[in-house]
Amino acid sequence: MSLEMRITELETRLAFQDDTIQALNDELVAQQRLIERLQLQVEALAKRQQELLDELGPAEDEAPPPHY
């Protein structure tokens, strides 16, 4: 294989690798955005759950289950 063919092959591989790296980076950015949105939703749900629990008061007033 001539030197020119080897260089062309390496340039072709580099171009494909650059494209793959960019595609992976784009996917990583999309996943990070999704994770951030999900974290905000979980925080909002946890806050809402705590608010509901605070409204209900302590659970100590409940009778034990019938099997006790």
Protein backbone atom coordinates (compact mmCIF):
# COMPACT_ATOMS: atom_id res chain seq x y z
CA MET A 1 0.00 0.00 0.00
CA SER A 2 1.43 3.34 -0.99
CA LEU A 3 1.96 6.19 1.40
CA GLU A 4 -0.72 8.27 -0.31
CA MET A 5 -3.29 5.46 0.06
CA ARG A 6 -2.39 5.03 3.72
CA ILE A 7 -2.80 8.76 4.37
CA THR A 8 -6.14 8.75 2.55
CA GLU A 9 -7.27 5.78 4.64
CA LEU A 10 -6.24 7.54 7.85
CA GLU A 11 -8.02 10.74 6.82
CA THR A 12 -11.16 8.74 6.06
CA ARG A 13 -11.03 7.04 9.45
CA LEU A 14 -10.49 10.36 11.16
CA ALA A 15 -13.50 11.86 9.42
CA PHE A 16 -15.70 8.95 10.55
CA GLN A 17 -14.34 9.19 14.08
CA ASP A 18 -15.04 12.92 14.21
CA ASP A 19 -18.60 12.27 13.05
CA THR A 20 -19.06 9.54 15.67
CA ILE A 21 -17.65 11.72 18.44
CA GLN A 22 -20.00 14.56 17.47
CA ALA A 23 -23.00 12.20 17.40
CA LEU A 24 -22.07 10.83 20.83
CA ASN A 25 -21.62 14.34 22.20
CA ASP A 26 -25.03 15.40 20.87
CA GLU A 27 -26.63 12.38 22.50
CA LEU A 28 -24.83 13.08 25.77
CA VAL A 29 -26.10 16.66 25.78
CA ALA A 30 -29.67 15.46 25.13
CA GLN A 31 -29.43 12.92 27.94
CA GLN A 32 -28.07 15.54 30.35
CA ARG A 33 -31.00 17.83 29.56
CA LEU A 34 -33.41 14.96 30.17
CA ILE A 35 -31.72 14.11 33.48
CA GLU A 36 -31.98 17.72 34.60
CA ARG A 37 -35.70 17.84 33.74
CA LEU A 38 -36.32 14.57 35.55
CA GLN A 39 -34.45 15.80 38.62
CA LEU A 40 -36.63 18.90 38.72
CA GLN A 41 -39.75 16.75 38.44
CA VAL A 42 -38.61 14.44 41.24
CA GLU A 43 -37.84 17.44 43.46
CA ALA A 44 -41.28 18.92 42.75
CA LEU A 45 -42.97 15.59 43.51
CA ALA A 46 -41.02 15.17 46.74
CA LYS A 47 -41.97 18.69 47.80
CA ARG A 48 -45.63 18.05 46.96
CA GLN A 49 -45.60 14.76 48.86
CA GLN A 50 -44.12 16.47 51.91
CA GLU A 51 -46.77 19.18 51.71
CA LEU A 52 -49.51 16.54 51.61
CA LEU A 53 -47.98 14.66 54.53
CA ASP A 54 -47.77 17.89 56.52
CA GLU A 55 -51.46 18.57 55.82
CA LEU A 56 -52.45 15.11 57.03
CA GLY A 57 -50.63 15.40 60.31
CA PRO A 58 -48.79 12.66 62.18
CA ALA A 59 -49.65 9.06 61.39
CA GLU A 60 -49.48 8.01 65.05
CA ASP A 61 -53.25 8.36 65.46
CA GLU A 62 -53.91 5.47 63.14
CA ALA A 63 -55.04 2.19 64.66
CA PRO A 64 -52.77 -0.82 64.16
CA PRO A 65 -53.67 -3.22 61.38
CA PRO A 66 -56.16 -5.98 62.30
CA HIS A 67 -53.57 -8.74 62.40
CA TYR A 68 -51.94 -7.30 65.56
